[in-house]
Amino acid sequence: MHFDSFDDNNCYFRARKFKTVELIKHYFADIDESQIKQFEKIAEVYKDWNQKINVVSRKDIDEIYIRHVLHSLGIAKVQSFLPGSKVLDVGTGGGFPGIPLAILFPETQFTLVDSIGKKIKVVEEVVDALELKNVTAINDRVENISGEFDFIVSRAVAVMPSFVHWVKGKIAKESKHDRKNGILYLKGGDLSEELQPYRTVEVFELPTFYKEDFFDTKKVVYLPMKYRG
């Protein structure tokens, strides 16, 4: 995906774009008109459903494009998903990072899982409103999900050792991508102790890709997983 730099001196321009889909178009210049319309609709749909079922804080709703959509798409700055590949989103909550990624990669199949029924209800309604054909939402614990996936994504639902235990055996043996199948995890803060047991882990700093202060401590953690038969 194409990446441009903001003019850091033009604070007004940055502030004006802060809460709009223009921010997504700036960092992902290759998206087409259909995807733009879906991203444009996200704020409206989540605002409506959040009044019925509170899955996103009021502050986050007002800044949904940076705090949820752009953050979710940080995974895409590290790894693109090929057509026909399968991605599992664990603890998806209201649909992040899965829904923004599903918009960006319409030919990749996404399975979004959460153990809380009301959150999956919102996910199902958002998927329907955005007319996403590549998303399956499941109300269950990840341990009960069958099948194998190329990548497993999530946003800091647990410390890495716990997360690795939950998803054990769910990574497909054959890799379709140049990068080996594994976990792509959105995390923040100092992860040195948490990640110490994993010699093959890679950490990508989101400020490498995004200029907003919100991302100062945010990271994408990639952990290749060995296949377990």
Protein backbone atom coordinates (compact mmCIF):
# COMPACT_ATOMS: atom_id res chain seq x y z
CA MET A 1 0.00 0.00 0.00
CA HIS A 2 1.15 3.52 -0.79
CA PHE A 3 2.22 5.71 2.13
CA ASP A 4 2.55 9.48 2.19
CA SER A 5 3.81 11.83 4.88
CA PHE A 6 1.74 14.65 6.29
CA ASP A 7 3.11 18.17 6.32
CA ASP A 8 3.71 18.38 10.06
CA ASN A 9 3.53 22.19 9.95
CA ASN A 10 -0.01 22.13 8.65
CA CYS A 11 -1.69 21.37 11.96
CA TYR A 12 -5.08 22.66 10.85
CA PHE A 13 -5.11 20.33 7.85
CA ARG A 14 -4.26 17.35 10.04
CA ALA A 15 -6.89 18.27 12.63
CA ARG A 16 -9.56 18.68 9.95
CA LYS A 17 -8.84 15.22 8.55
CA PHE A 18 -8.54 13.60 11.96
CA LYS A 19 -12.07 12.23 12.25
CA THR A 20 -12.90 11.54 8.62
CA VAL A 21 -12.45 8.78 6.08
CA GLU A 22 -9.92 11.04 4.34
CA LEU A 23 -7.41 9.77 6.88
CA ILE A 24 -7.86 6.22 5.58
CA LYS A 25 -7.62 7.38 1.96
CA HIS A 26 -4.40 9.21 2.78
CA TYR A 27 -2.62 6.19 4.23
CA PHE A 28 -4.19 3.64 1.85
CA ALA A 29 -4.26 5.46 -1.47
CA ASP A 30 -5.01 2.31 -3.50
CA ILE A 31 -8.52 1.67 -2.14
CA ASP A 32 -11.30 1.82 -4.72
CA GLU A 33 -14.63 3.67 -4.66
CA SER A 34 -16.51 0.68 -3.27
CA GLN A 35 -14.10 0.41 -0.35
CA ILE A 36 -14.23 4.18 0.24
CA LYS A 37 -18.03 3.99 0.53
CA GLN A 38 -17.75 1.14 3.03
CA PHE A 39 -15.22 3.03 5.12
CA GLU A 40 -17.40 6.14 4.95
CA LYS A 41 -20.38 4.18 6.25
CA ILE A 42 -18.52 2.68 9.20
CA ALA A 43 -18.85 5.76 11.45
CA GLU A 44 -22.59 6.07 10.83
CA VAL A 45 -23.29 2.38 11.41
CA TYR A 46 -21.24 2.12 14.60
CA LYS A 47 -22.67 5.34 16.02
CA ASP A 48 -26.19 4.03 15.47
CA TRP A 49 -25.55 0.61 16.98
CA ASN A 50 -23.48 1.96 19.84
CA GLN A 51 -26.58 3.80 21.09
CA LYS A 52 -28.34 0.44 21.35
CA ILE A 53 -25.47 -1.75 22.51
CA ASN A 54 -22.44 0.00 23.97
CA VAL A 55 -19.39 -1.68 22.43
CA VAL A 56 -17.24 1.41 21.82
CA SER A 57 -16.64 4.30 24.25
CA ARG A 58 -18.13 7.72 23.43
CA LYS A 59 -14.68 9.22 22.88
CA ASP A 60 -13.69 6.36 20.59
CA ILE A 61 -16.89 6.71 18.55
CA ASP A 62 -16.01 10.35 17.91
CA GLU A 63 -12.53 9.31 16.78
CA ILE A 64 -13.38 5.94 15.26
CA TYR A 65 -11.25 6.38 12.15
CA ILE A 66 -8.01 6.79 14.07
CA ARG A 67 -8.62 4.76 17.23
CA HIS A 68 -10.29 1.77 15.59
CA VAL A 69 -10.20 1.75 11.79
CA LEU A 70 -6.69 3.06 11.15
CA HIS A 71 -5.34 1.16 14.15
CA SER A 72 -6.83 -2.08 12.80
CA LEU A 73 -5.33 -1.40 9.39
CA GLY A 74 -1.89 -1.18 10.97
CA ILE A 75 -1.78 -4.93 10.43
CA ALA A 76 -2.09 -4.31 6.68
CA LYS A 77 1.01 -2.11 6.79
CA VAL A 78 2.92 -5.20 7.91
CA GLN A 79 1.12 -7.97 6.04
CA SER A 80 -1.18 -8.03 3.00
CA PHE A 81 -3.57 -10.97 2.69
CA LEU A 82 -3.83 -12.87 -0.59
CA PRO A 83 -7.13 -13.86 -2.24
CA GLY A 84 -8.38 -17.13 -0.84
CA SER A 85 -6.47 -16.88 2.41
CA LYS A 86 -8.20 -17.27 5.77
CA VAL A 87 -7.85 -14.96 8.78
CA LEU A 88 -9.21 -15.50 12.29
CA ASP A 89 -9.93 -12.46 14.49
CA VAL A 90 -9.94 -13.51 18.14
CA GLY A 91 -11.83 -11.45 20.71
CA THR A 92 -13.09 -9.17 17.96
CA GLY A 93 -15.31 -7.11 20.27
CA GLY A 94 -17.28 -4.79 18.00
CA GLY A 95 -15.41 -6.05 14.93
CA PHE A 96 -11.86 -4.78 15.21
CA PRO A 97 -9.46 -5.42 13.58
CA GLY A 98 -11.48 -7.84 11.44
CA ILE A 99 -14.03 -5.56 9.75
CA PRO A 100 -11.61 -2.87 8.49
CA LEU A 101 -9.28 -5.61 7.25
CA ALA A 102 -12.18 -7.36 5.52
CA ILE A 103 -12.97 -4.14 3.65
CA LEU A 104 -9.36 -3.75 2.60
CA PHE A 105 -9.00 -7.40 1.52
CA PRO A 106 -12.40 -8.37 0.02
CA GLU A 107 -11.13 -11.67 -1.42
CA THR A 108 -9.79 -12.92 1.92
CA GLN A 109 -12.11 -14.86 4.23
CA PHE A 110 -12.37 -13.49 7.77
CA THR A 111 -13.81 -15.31 10.78
CA LEU A 112 -14.57 -12.98 13.71
CA VAL A 113 -14.97 -14.63 17.11
CA ASP A 114 -16.06 -13.29 20.48
CA SER A 115 -17.51 -15.01 23.55
CA ILE A 116 -19.87 -12.07 24.30
CA GLY A 117 -23.11 -12.39 22.36
CA LYS A 118 -24.08 -8.71 22.24
CA LYS A 119 -20.75 -7.83 20.63
CA ILE A 120 -21.21 -10.44 17.92
CA LYS A 121 -24.75 -9.09 17.38
CA VAL A 122 -23.23 -5.70 16.56
CA VAL A 123 -20.64 -7.32 14.30
CA GLU A 124 -23.37 -9.15 12.37
CA GLU A 125 -25.35 -5.95 11.91
CA VAL A 126 -22.29 -3.98 10.77
CA VAL A 127 -21.31 -6.73 8.33
CA ASP A 128 -24.84 -6.67 6.90
CA ALA A 129 -24.94 -2.86 6.65
CA LEU A 130 -21.58 -2.74 4.88
CA GLU A 131 -22.58 -5.67 2.62
CA LEU A 132 -19.43 -7.59 3.46
CA LYS A 133 -19.52 -11.03 1.85
CA ASN A 134 -16.21 -12.26 3.25
CA VAL A 135 -16.96 -12.18 6.99
CA THR A 136 -18.33 -14.88 9.29
CA ALA A 137 -19.16 -13.88 12.89
CA ILE A 138 -19.22 -16.53 15.62
CA ASN A 139 -20.32 -16.20 19.25
CA ASP A 140 -18.03 -18.67 21.04
CA ARG A 141 -14.67 -19.11 22.72
CA VAL A 142 -11.79 -19.44 20.29
CA GLU A 143 -10.85 -22.81 21.77
CA ASN A 144 -14.09 -24.19 20.33
CA ILE A 145 -13.51 -22.91 16.80
CA SER A 146 -12.63 -25.56 14.23
CA GLY A 147 -10.53 -25.14 11.12
CA GLU A 148 -7.10 -23.78 10.26
CA PHE A 149 -6.12 -20.25 9.29
CA ASP A 150 -3.24 -18.52 7.54
CA PHE A 151 -3.09 -15.73 10.11
CA ILE A 152 -4.68 -15.02 13.46
CA VAL A 153 -5.20 -11.36 14.34
CA SER A 154 -6.30 -9.57 17.50
CA ARG A 155 -6.08 -6.39 19.53
CA ALA A 156 -4.44 -7.02 22.91
CA VAL A 157 -7.05 -9.36 24.37
CA ALA A 158 -4.45 -11.12 26.55
CA VAL A 159 -0.74 -11.43 27.20
CA MET A 160 1.03 -13.31 24.43
CA PRO A 161 1.59 -16.62 26.28
CA SER A 162 -2.14 -16.92 27.03
CA PHE A 163 -3.07 -15.96 23.49
CA VAL A 164 -0.66 -18.49 21.99
CA HIS A 165 -2.20 -21.19 24.18
CA TRP A 166 -5.75 -20.29 23.06
CA VAL A 167 -4.97 -20.52 19.34
CA LYS A 168 -2.68 -23.55 19.42
CA GLY A 169 -3.37 -25.91 16.54
CA LYS A 170 -5.34 -23.38 14.49
CA ILE A 171 -2.53 -22.27 12.15
CA ALA A 172 -2.49 -23.88 8.70
CA LYS A 173 0.65 -25.85 7.83
CA GLU A 174 1.06 -24.53 4.27
CA SER A 175 1.90 -20.85 3.87
CA LYS A 176 0.47 -18.96 0.88
CA HIS A 177 2.37 -15.76 1.70
CA ASP A 178 6.07 -14.96 1.76
CA ARG A 179 5.79 -14.51 5.52
CA LYS A 180 5.11 -17.73 7.42
CA ASN A 181 1.64 -18.25 8.85
CA GLY A 182 1.20 -17.01 12.40
CA ILE A 183 -0.12 -14.35 14.76
CA LEU A 184 -0.41 -10.63 13.95
CA TYR A 185 -1.19 -8.89 17.24
CA LEU A 186 -1.88 -5.21 17.91
CA LYS A 187 -0.24 -4.28 21.21
CA GLY A 188 1.12 -1.24 23.01
CA GLY A 189 3.71 -0.28 25.60
CA ASP A 190 6.84 -2.11 26.70
CA LEU A 191 6.60 -5.72 25.53
CA SER A 192 10.17 -6.83 26.23
CA GLU A 193 9.32 -9.07 29.18
CA GLU A 194 6.12 -10.46 27.66
CA LEU A 195 7.83 -11.40 24.40
CA GLN A 196 11.08 -12.66 25.89
CA PRO A 197 10.20 -16.38 25.46
CA TYR A 198 9.71 -16.00 21.69
CA ARG A 199 12.96 -16.00 19.73
CA THR A 200 11.27 -15.64 16.32
CA VAL A 201 9.00 -12.72 17.22
CA GLU A 202 9.13 -9.49 15.17
CA VAL A 203 7.83 -6.13 16.42
CA PHE A 204 6.78 -3.37 14.01
CA GLU A 205 6.35 0.15 15.42
CA LEU A 206 3.21 1.82 14.05
CA PRO A 207 4.79 5.32 14.12
CA THR A 208 6.89 4.01 11.22
CA PHE A 209 3.68 4.14 9.17
CA TYR A 210 1.45 6.68 10.92
CA LYS A 211 2.17 10.23 12.09
CA GLU A 212 -0.62 10.68 14.66
CA ASP A 213 0.33 10.85 18.36
CA PHE A 214 -2.19 8.11 19.18
CA PHE A 215 0.20 5.57 17.63
CA ASP A 216 3.32 6.61 19.56
CA THR A 217 3.45 3.40 21.63
CA LYS A 218 1.41 1.14 19.34
CA LYS A 219 2.91 -1.91 17.65
CA VAL A 220 2.14 -4.90 15.46
CA VAL A 221 3.64 -8.07 16.88
CA TYR A 222 4.25 -10.92 14.43
CA LEU A 223 4.85 -14.40 15.78
CA PRO A 224 5.28 -17.26 13.28
CA MET A 225 3.64 -20.40 14.57
CA LYS A 226 4.78 -23.98 14.11
CA TYR A 227 2.13 -26.32 12.82
CA ARG A 228 0.71 -28.71 15.40
CA GLY A 229 -0.99 -31.76 13.98
